[in-house]
Every structure is written in C-alpha cells, then in structure tokens.
Amino acid sequence: MSFPRPYEVVAPLTVFEVLRSMRRPDRRRVEDFIQRLVRQPSLSGDFEAPAEDGSVHQVKMVGDWLVSYWADHAVREIRLSAIERIE
C-alpha cells in the first residue's frame, strides 16, 4: 500500500531570513502553523489577498505576524510568499 507523498514547503530566501530573525517564541508559533499547513494543505487563511501575478493567496495571522501562502496541489507544495510583522 502506498501513501501519497507529503506536501513540501517552498519559499523564497527572504521568507527564511525573516523566520531566522524572529524571536524564538514567534518563530516557534509560525513554524507550528507551517507544519499544520503541511498536514492540512487546504487550510484557509483569515483572509485572501491578490498577488502581483493575479492569483489569490491565503493570509493567516499568527501572533504578530502575517503568513501569506497558497497550496499548489498539482505538485503537492505549500508555497509561502511572505511573512510580515503586523505594525
């Protein structure tokens, strides 16, 4: 019996730089949310935002941070487009 391969997380380097710069509790909260996305790739955000290419990204508030993402189900990837601090 074979299981479908899990979703992978794909993001630009800037997203990983933001993660690395976060305080540990914030980073842990955001990483926990990303792991949840891997398990539930169809998870909706708190709201949607249009991207420059015309697509629509989900945006989730995680503590003081906004995580923008979309699921590419065809290739089983969670695409993180941005992580931004709420001002």
PDB file of N, CA and C in Angstrom:
ATOM      1  N   MET A   1       0.844  -1.172   0.000  1.00  0.00           N
ATOM      2  CA  MET A   1       0.000   0.000   0.000  1.00  0.00           C
ATOM      3  C   MET A   1       0.894   1.242   0.000  1.00  0.00           C
ATOM      4  N   SER A   2       0.654   2.157  -0.914  1.00  0.00           N
ATOM      5  CA  SER A   2       1.471   3.371  -0.933  1.00  0.00           C
ATOM      6  C   SER A   2       0.631   4.566  -0.505  1.00  0.00           C
ATOM      7  N   PHE A   3       1.266   5.451   0.192  1.00  0.00           N
ATOM      8  CA  PHE A   3       0.614   6.667   0.658  1.00  0.00           C
ATOM      9  C   PHE A   3       1.048   7.813  -0.236  1.00  0.00           C
ATOM     10  N   PRO A   4       0.165   8.818  -0.417  1.00  0.00           N
ATOM     11  CA  PRO A   4       0.596   9.972  -1.201  1.00  0.00           C
ATOM     12  C   PRO A   4       1.759  10.666  -0.499  1.00  0.00           C
ATOM     13  N   ARG A   5       2.666  11.192  -1.293  1.00  0.00           N
ATOM     14  CA  ARG A   5       3.807  11.869  -0.671  1.00  0.00           C
ATOM     15  C   ARG A   5       3.333  13.140   0.019  1.00  0.00           C
ATOM     16  N   PRO A   6       3.975  13.492   1.126  1.00  0.00           N
ATOM     17  CA  PRO A   6       3.548  14.686   1.861  1.00  0.00           C
ATOM     18  C   PRO A   6       3.833  15.961   1.064  1.00  0.00           C
ATOM     19  N   TYR A   7       3.145  17.013   1.440  1.00  0.00           N
ATOM     20  CA  TYR A   7       3.394  18.313   0.822  1.00  0.00           C
ATOM     21  C   TYR A   7       4.744  18.846   1.300  1.00  0.00           C
ATOM     22  N   GLU A   8       5.429  19.550   0.423  1.00  0.00           N
ATOM     23  CA  GLU A   8       6.702  20.200   0.747  1.00  0.00           C
ATOM     24  C   GLU A   8       6.453  21.693   0.889  1.00  0.00           C
ATOM     25  N   VAL A   9       7.275  22.357   1.676  1.00  0.00           N
ATOM     26  CA  VAL A   9       7.194  23.807   1.830  1.00  0.00           C
ATOM     27  C   VAL A   9       8.234  24.444   0.919  1.00  0.00           C
ATOM     28  N   VAL A  10       7.768  25.409   0.114  1.00  0.00           N
ATOM     29  CA  VAL A  10       8.649  26.122  -0.814  1.00  0.00           C
ATOM     30  C   VAL A  10       8.496  27.610  -0.536  1.00  0.00           C
ATOM     31  N   ALA A  11       9.628  28.304  -0.451  1.00  0.00           N
ATOM     32  CA  ALA A  11       9.577  29.742  -0.145  1.00  0.00           C
ATOM     33  C   ALA A  11      10.835  30.420  -0.666  1.00  0.00           C
ATOM     34  N   PRO A  12      10.719  31.718  -0.950  1.00  0.00           N
ATOM     35  CA  PRO A  12      11.923  32.466  -1.320  1.00  0.00           C
ATOM     36  C   PRO A  12      12.834  32.635  -0.105  1.00  0.00           C
ATOM     37  N   LEU A  13      14.081  32.898  -0.359  1.00  0.00           N
ATOM     38  CA  LEU A  13      15.065  33.065   0.705  1.00  0.00           C
ATOM     39  C   LEU A  13      14.648  34.151   1.694  1.00  0.00           C
ATOM     40  N   THR A  14      13.980  35.186   1.232  1.00  0.00           N
ATOM     41  CA  THR A  14      13.570  36.274   2.129  1.00  0.00           C
ATOM     42  C   THR A  14      12.653  35.764   3.237  1.00  0.00           C
ATOM     43  N   VAL A  15      11.817  34.789   2.949  1.00  0.00           N
ATOM     44  CA  VAL A  15      10.931  34.228   3.977  1.00  0.00           C
ATOM     45  C   VAL A  15      11.764  33.540   5.063  1.00  0.00           C
ATOM     46  N   PHE A  16      12.771  32.788   4.649  1.00  0.00           N
ATOM     47  CA  PHE A  16      13.613  32.108   5.632  1.00  0.00           C
ATOM     48  C   PHE A  16      14.453  33.106   6.434  1.00  0.00           C
ATOM     49  N   GLU A  17      14.855  34.214   5.806  1.00  0.00           N
ATOM     50  CA  GLU A  17      15.593  35.247   6.534  1.00  0.00           C
ATOM     51  C   GLU A  17      14.709  35.884   7.615  1.00  0.00           C
ATOM     52  N   VAL A  18      13.441  36.115   7.294  1.00  0.00           N
ATOM     53  CA  VAL A  18      12.520  36.669   8.292  1.00  0.00           C
ATOM     54  C   VAL A  18      12.343  35.675   9.440  1.00  0.00           C
ATOM     55  N   LEU A  19      12.136  34.408   9.113  1.00  0.00           N
ATOM     56  CA  LEU A  19      11.999  33.382  10.159  1.00  0.00           C
ATOM     57  C   LEU A  19      13.217  33.369  11.073  1.00  0.00           C
ATOM     58  N   ARG A  20      14.389  33.427  10.469  1.00  0.00           N
ATOM     59  CA  ARG A  20      15.631  33.367  11.249  1.00  0.00           C
ATOM     60  C   ARG A  20      15.776  34.586  12.160  1.00  0.00           C
ATOM     61  N   SER A  21      15.222  35.727  11.760  1.00  0.00           N
ATOM     62  CA  SER A  21      15.374  36.952  12.546  1.00  0.00           C
ATOM     63  C   SER A  21      14.351  37.082  13.680  1.00  0.00           C
ATOM     64  N   MET A  22      13.349  36.217  13.694  1.00  0.00           N
ATOM     65  CA  MET A  22      12.294  36.304  14.709  1.00  0.00           C
ATOM     66  C   MET A  22      12.786  35.875  16.083  1.00  0.00           C
ATOM     67  N   ARG A  23      12.123  36.402  17.101  1.00  0.00           N
ATOM     68  CA  ARG A  23      12.347  35.890  18.455  1.00  0.00           C
ATOM     69  C   ARG A  23      11.873  34.434  18.484  1.00  0.00           C
ATOM     70  N   ARG A  24      12.501  33.643  19.317  1.00  0.00           N
ATOM     71  CA  ARG A  24      12.212  32.202  19.357  1.00  0.00           C
ATOM     72  C   ARG A  24      10.717  31.879  19.544  1.00  0.00           C
ATOM     73  N   PRO A  25       9.991  32.534  20.478  1.00  0.00           N
ATOM     74  CA  PRO A  25       8.568  32.180  20.643  1.00  0.00           C
ATOM     75  C   PRO A  25       7.743  32.473  19.380  1.00  0.00           C
ATOM     76  N   ASP A  26       8.036  33.591  18.726  1.00  0.00           N
ATOM     77  CA  ASP A  26       7.319  33.922  17.486  1.00  0.00           C
ATOM     78  C   ASP A  26       7.639  32.909  16.392  1.00  0.00           C
ATOM     79  N   ARG A  27       8.915  32.598  16.258  1.00  0.00           N
ATOM     80  CA  ARG A  27       9.336  31.645  15.225  1.00  0.00           C
ATOM     81  C   ARG A  27       8.675  30.288  15.459  1.00  0.00           C
ATOM     82  N   ARG A  28       8.630  29.867  16.704  1.00  0.00           N
ATOM     83  CA  ARG A  28       8.019  28.568  17.011  1.00  0.00           C
ATOM     84  C   ARG A  28       6.533  28.556  16.634  1.00  0.00           C
ATOM     85  N   ARG A  29       5.832  29.653  16.932  1.00  0.00           N
ATOM     86  CA  ARG A  29       4.408  29.754  16.576  1.00  0.00           C
ATOM     87  C   ARG A  29       4.208  29.676  15.062  1.00  0.00           C
ATOM     88  N   VAL A  30       5.031  30.413  14.329  1.00  0.00           N
ATOM     89  CA  VAL A  30       4.915  30.412  12.865  1.00  0.00           C
ATOM     90  C   VAL A  30       5.292  29.035  12.309  1.00  0.00           C
ATOM     91  N   GLU A  31       6.350  28.435  12.809  1.00  0.00           N
ATOM     92  CA  GLU A  31       6.739  27.104  12.342  1.00  0.00           C
ATOM     93  C   GLU A  31       5.653  26.071  12.637  1.00  0.00           C
ATOM     94  N   ASP A  32       5.009  26.177  13.794  1.00  0.00           N
ATOM     95  CA  ASP A  32       3.904  25.267  14.120  1.00  0.00           C
ATOM     96  C   ASP A  32       2.762  25.426  13.118  1.00  0.00           C
ATOM     97  N   PHE A  33       2.472  26.675  12.744  1.00  0.00           N
ATOM     98  CA  PHE A  33       1.425  26.909  11.752  1.00  0.00           C
ATOM     99  C   PHE A  33       1.815  26.304  10.396  1.00  0.00           C
ATOM    100  N   ILE A  34       3.066  26.473  10.002  1.00  0.00           N
ATOM    101  CA  ILE A  34       3.519  25.914   8.718  1.00  0.00           C
ATOM    102  C   ILE A  34       3.397  24.390   8.741  1.00  0.00           C
ATOM    103  N   GLN A  35       3.744  23.756   9.859  1.00  0.00           N
ATOM    104  CA  GLN A  35       3.581  22.306   9.969  1.00  0.00           C
ATOM    105  C   GLN A  35       2.114  21.900   9.855  1.00  0.00           C
ATOM    106  N   ARG A  36       1.247  22.715  10.412  1.00  0.00           N
ATOM    107  CA  ARG A  36      -0.194  22.449  10.293  1.00  0.00           C
ATOM    108  C   ARG A  36      -0.616  22.517   8.822  1.00  0.00           C
ATOM    109  N   LEU A  37      -0.067  23.498   8.092  1.00  0.00           N
ATOM    110  CA  LEU A  37      -0.372  23.609   6.661  1.00  0.00           C
ATOM    111  C   LEU A  37       0.066  22.364   5.890  1.00  0.00           C
ATOM    112  N   VAL A  38       1.209  21.815   6.252  1.00  0.00           N
ATOM    113  CA  VAL A  38       1.697  20.609   5.585  1.00  0.00           C
ATOM    114  C   VAL A  38       0.709  19.461   5.791  1.00  0.00           C
ATOM    115  N   ARG A  39       0.140  19.383   6.989  1.00  0.00           N
ATOM    116  CA  ARG A  39      -0.837  18.318   7.291  1.00  0.00           C
ATOM    117  C   ARG A  39      -2.216  18.619   6.710  1.00  0.00           C
ATOM    118  N   GLN A  40      -2.560  19.922   6.600  1.00  0.00           N
ATOM    119  CA  GLN A  40      -3.871  20.345   6.097  1.00  0.00           C
ATOM    120  C   GLN A  40      -3.673  21.395   4.998  1.00  0.00           C
ATOM    121  N   PRO A  41      -3.227  20.985   3.812  1.00  0.00           N
ATOM    122  CA  PRO A  41      -2.875  21.951   2.764  1.00  0.00           C
ATOM    123  C   PRO A  41      -4.042  22.795   2.248  1.00  0.00           C
ATOM    124  N   SER A  42      -5.250  22.418   2.509  1.00  0.00           N
ATOM    125  CA  SER A  42      -6.399  23.209   2.050  1.00  0.00           C
ATOM    126  C   SER A  42      -6.875  24.197   3.111  1.00  0.00           C
ATOM    127  N   LEU A  43      -6.109  24.350   4.183  1.00  0.00           N
ATOM    128  CA  LEU A  43      -6.470  25.241   5.275  1.00  0.00           C
ATOM    129  C   LEU A  43      -6.586  26.681   4.772  1.00  0.00           C
ATOM    130  N   SER A  44      -7.720  27.297   5.051  1.00  0.00           N
ATOM    131  CA  SER A  44      -7.937  28.686   4.650  1.00  0.00           C
ATOM    132  C   SER A  44      -7.266  29.625   5.642  1.00  0.00           C
ATOM    133  N   GLY A  45      -6.861  30.784   5.141  1.00  0.00           N
ATOM    134  CA  GLY A  45      -6.303  31.815   5.999  1.00  0.00           C
ATOM    135  C   GLY A  45      -7.417  32.620   6.637  1.00  0.00           C
ATOM    136  N   ASP A  46      -7.037  33.698   7.298  1.00  0.00           N
ATOM    137  CA  ASP A  46      -8.017  34.604   7.892  1.00  0.00           C
ATOM    138  C   ASP A  46      -8.640  35.503   6.829  1.00  0.00           C
ATOM    139  N   PHE A  47      -7.883  35.738   5.762  1.00  0.00           N
ATOM    140  CA  PHE A  47      -8.413  36.492   4.619  1.00  0.00           C
ATOM    141  C   PHE A  47      -7.576  36.173   3.392  1.00  0.00           C
ATOM    142  N   GLU A  48      -8.028  36.643   2.241  1.00  0.00           N
ATOM    143  CA  GLU A  48      -7.317  36.430   0.982  1.00  0.00           C
ATOM    144  C   GLU A  48      -6.749  37.749   0.493  1.00  0.00           C
ATOM    145  N   ALA A  49      -5.631  37.665  -0.238  1.00  0.00           N
ATOM    146  CA  ALA A  49      -5.007  38.860  -0.798  1.00  0.00           C
ATOM    147  C   ALA A  49      -4.562  38.556  -2.224  1.00  0.00           C
ATOM    148  N   PRO A  50      -4.787  39.486  -3.142  1.00  0.00           N
ATOM    149  CA  PRO A  50      -4.340  39.268  -4.516  1.00  0.00           C
ATOM    150  C   PRO A  50      -2.823  39.379  -4.619  1.00  0.00           C
ATOM    151  N   ALA A  51      -2.240  38.556  -5.448  1.00  0.00           N
ATOM    152  CA  ALA A  51      -0.802  38.612  -5.705  1.00  0.00           C
ATOM    153  C   ALA A  51      -0.560  39.383  -6.997  1.00  0.00           C
ATOM    154  N   GLU A  52       0.687  39.756  -7.233  1.00  0.00           N
ATOM    155  CA  GLU A  52       1.035  40.517  -8.428  1.00  0.00           C
ATOM    156  C   GLU A  52       0.700  39.769  -9.714  1.00  0.00           C
ATOM    157  N   ASP A  53       0.769  38.431  -9.680  1.00  0.00           N
ATOM    158  CA  ASP A  53       0.505  37.647 -10.889  1.00  0.00           C
ATOM    159  C   ASP A  53      -0.980  37.382 -11.118  1.00  0.00           C
ATOM    160  N   GLY A  54      -1.832  37.959 -10.281  1.00  0.00           N
ATOM    161  CA  GLY A  54      -3.273  37.783 -10.441  1.00  0.00           C
ATOM    162  C   GLY A  54      -3.859  36.643  -9.634  1.00  0.00           C
ATOM    163  N   SER A  55      -3.013  35.826  -9.032  1.00  0.00           N
ATOM    164  CA  SER A  55      -3.521  34.726  -8.207  1.00  0.00           C
ATOM    165  C   SER A  55      -3.959  35.273  -6.842  1.00  0.00           C
ATOM    166  N   VAL A  56      -4.589  34.413  -6.074  1.00  0.00           N
ATOM    167  CA  VAL A  56      -5.068  34.808  -4.749  1.00  0.00           C
ATOM    168  C   VAL A  56      -4.329  33.986  -3.704  1.00  0.00           C
ATOM    169  N   HIS A  57      -3.758  34.656  -2.726  1.00  0.00           N
ATOM    170  CA  HIS A  57      -3.027  33.992  -1.654  1.00  0.00           C
ATOM    171  C   HIS A  57      -3.846  34.050  -0.368  1.00  0.00           C
ATOM    172  N   GLN A  58      -3.728  33.016   0.437  1.00  0.00           N
ATOM    173  CA  GLN A  58      -4.316  32.992   1.764  1.00  0.00           C
ATOM    174  C   GLN A  58      -3.385  33.755   2.697  1.00  0.00           C
ATOM    175  N   VAL A  59      -3.947  34.461   3.669  1.00  0.00           N
ATOM    176  CA  VAL A  59      -3.137  35.172   4.659  1.00  0.00           C
ATOM    177  C   VAL A  59      -3.654  34.795   6.040  1.00  0.00           C
ATOM    178  N   LYS A  60      -2.751  34.320   6.874  1.00  0.00           N
ATOM    179  CA  LYS A  60      -3.098  33.898   8.235  1.00  0.00           C
ATOM    180  C   LYS A  60      -2.355  34.760   9.234  1.00  0.00           C
ATOM    181  N   MET A  61      -3.086  35.252  10.239  1.00  0.00           N
ATOM    182  CA  MET A  61      -2.462  35.990  11.335  1.00  0.00           C
ATOM    183  C   MET A  61      -1.968  34.980  12.366  1.00  0.00           C
ATOM    184  N   VAL A  62      -0.674  35.013  12.624  1.00  0.00           N
ATOM    185  CA  VAL A  62      -0.057  34.118  13.607  1.00  0.00           C
ATOM    186  C   VAL A  62       0.674  35.010  14.606  1.00  0.00           C
ATOM    187  N   GLY A  63       0.041  35.261  15.728  1.00  0.00           N
ATOM    188  CA  GLY A  63       0.614  36.198  16.689  1.00  0.00           C
ATOM    189  C   GLY A  63       0.704  37.581  16.067  1.00  0.00           C
ATOM    190  N   ASP A  64       1.911  38.152  16.063  1.00  0.00           N
ATOM    191  CA  ASP A  64       2.148  39.478  15.488  1.00  0.00           C
ATOM    192  C   ASP A  64       2.598  39.406  14.033  1.00  0.00           C
ATOM    193  N   TRP A  65       2.363  38.281  13.374  1.00  0.00           N
ATOM    194  CA  TRP A  65       2.879  38.070  12.025  1.00  0.00           C
ATOM    195  C   TRP A  65       1.770  37.680  11.060  1.00  0.00           C
ATOM    196  N   LEU A  66       1.932  38.080   9.800  1.00  0.00           N
ATOM    197  CA  LEU A  66       1.049  37.654   8.715  1.00  0.00           C
ATOM    198  C   LEU A  66       1.826  36.681   7.835  1.00  0.00           C
ATOM    199  N   VAL A  67       1.262  35.506   7.632  1.00  0.00           N
ATOM    200  CA  VAL A  67       1.885  34.492   6.783  1.00  0.00           C
ATOM    201  C   VAL A  67       1.026  34.369   5.524  1.00  0.00           C
ATOM    202  N   SER A  68       1.634  34.660   4.369  1.00  0.00           N
ATOM    203  CA  SER A  68       0.934  34.574   3.079  1.00  0.00           C
ATOM    204  C   SER A  68       1.367  33.287   2.381  1.00  0.00           C
ATOM    205  N   TYR A  69       0.394  32.560   1.828  1.00  0.00           N
ATOM    206  CA  TYR A  69       0.704  31.257   1.238  1.00  0.00           C
ATOM    207  C   TYR A  69      -0.375  30.842   0.250  1.00  0.00           C
ATOM    208  N   TRP A  70      -0.052  29.823  -0.528  1.00  0.00           N
ATOM    209  CA  TRP A  70      -1.048  29.148  -1.346  1.00  0.00           C
ATOM    210  C   TRP A  70      -0.579  27.712  -1.541  1.00  0.00           C
ATOM    211  N   ALA A  71      -1.527  26.840  -1.711  1.00  0.00           N
ATOM    212  CA  ALA A  71      -1.215  25.422  -1.902  1.00  0.00           C
ATOM    213  C   ALA A  71      -1.241  25.103  -3.391  1.00  0.00           C
ATOM    214  N   ASP A  72      -0.156  24.523  -3.868  1.00  0.00           N
ATOM    215  CA  ASP A  72      -0.081  24.050  -5.255  1.00  0.00           C
ATOM    216  C   ASP A  72      -0.316  22.541  -5.206  1.00  0.00           C
ATOM    217  N   HIS A  73      -1.582  22.168  -5.310  1.00  0.00           N
ATOM    218  CA  HIS A  73      -1.957  20.766  -5.142  1.00  0.00           C
ATOM    219  C   HIS A  73      -1.408  19.876  -6.250  1.00  0.00           C
ATOM    220  N   ALA A  74      -1.204  20.423  -7.432  1.00  0.00           N
ATOM    221  CA  ALA A  74      -0.710  19.625  -8.556  1.00  0.00           C
ATOM    222  C   ALA A  74       0.670  19.036  -8.262  1.00  0.00           C
ATOM    223  N   VAL A  75       1.506  19.773  -7.543  1.00  0.00           N
ATOM    224  CA  VAL A  75       2.855  19.292  -7.233  1.00  0.00           C
ATOM    225  C   VAL A  75       3.053  19.049  -5.732  1.00  0.00           C
ATOM    226  N   ARG A  76       1.953  19.150  -4.963  1.00  0.00           N
ATOM    227  CA  ARG A  76       1.955  18.867  -3.531  1.00  0.00           C
ATOM    228  C   ARG A  76       2.961  19.761  -2.788  1.00  0.00           C
ATOM    229  N   GLU A  77       2.794  21.070  -2.996  1.00  0.00           N
ATOM    230  CA  GLU A  77       3.654  22.042  -2.337  1.00  0.00           C
ATOM    231  C   GLU A  77       2.829  23.128  -1.653  1.00  0.00           C
ATOM    232  N   ILE A  78       3.309  23.579  -0.511  1.00  0.00           N
ATOM    233  CA  ILE A  78       2.790  24.771   0.147  1.00  0.00           C
ATOM    234  C   ILE A  78       3.766  25.881  -0.215  1.00  0.00           C
ATOM    235  N   ARG A  79       3.303  26.881  -0.908  1.00  0.00           N
ATOM    236  CA  ARG A  79       4.148  27.995  -1.341  1.00  0.00           C
ATOM    237  C   ARG A  79       3.961  29.171  -0.385  1.00  0.00           C
ATOM    238  N   LEU A  80       4.991  29.446   0.395  1.00  0.00           N
ATOM    239  CA  LEU A  80       4.956  30.616   1.267  1.00  0.00           C
ATOM    240  C   LEU A  80       5.438  31.800   0.442  1.00  0.00           C
ATOM    241  N   SER A  81       4.650  32.851   0.392  1.00  0.00           N
ATOM    242  CA  SER A  81       5.050  34.008  -0.412  1.00  0.00           C
ATOM    243  C   SER A  81       5.622  35.127   0.436  1.00  0.00           C
ATOM    244  N   ALA A  82       5.221  35.235   1.698  1.00  0.00           N
ATOM    245  CA  ALA A  82       5.749  36.296   2.555  1.00  0.00           C
ATOM    246  C   ALA A  82       5.403  36.024   4.013  1.00  0.00           C
ATOM    247  N   ILE A  83       6.251  36.539   4.886  1.00  0.00           N
ATOM    248  CA  ILE A  83       5.961  36.611   6.318  1.00  0.00           C
ATOM    249  C   ILE A  83       6.287  38.049   6.714  1.00  0.00           C
ATOM    250  N   GLU A  84       5.278  38.740   7.251  1.00  0.00           N
ATOM    251  CA  GLU A  84       5.452  40.143   7.589  1.00  0.00           C
ATOM    252  C   GLU A  84       4.954  40.414   9.002  1.00  0.00           C
ATOM    253  N   ARG A  85       5.659  41.289   9.680  1.00  0.00           N
ATOM    254  CA  ARG A  85       5.248  41.674  11.026  1.00  0.00           C
ATOM    255  C   ARG A  85       4.088  42.668  10.940  1.00  0.00           C
ATOM    256  N   ILE A  86       3.097  42.475  11.791  1.00  0.00           N
ATOM    257  CA  ILE A  86       1.966  43.417  11.854  1.00  0.00           C
ATOM    258  C   ILE A  86       2.438  44.633  12.632  1.00  0.00           C
ATOM    259  N   GLU A  87       2.305  45.782  12.032  1.00  0.00           N
ATOM    260  CA  GLU A  87       2.769  47.037  12.667  1.00  0.00           C
ATOM    261  C   GLU A  87       1.682  47.644  13.513  1.00  0.00           C
TER     262      GLU A  87
END
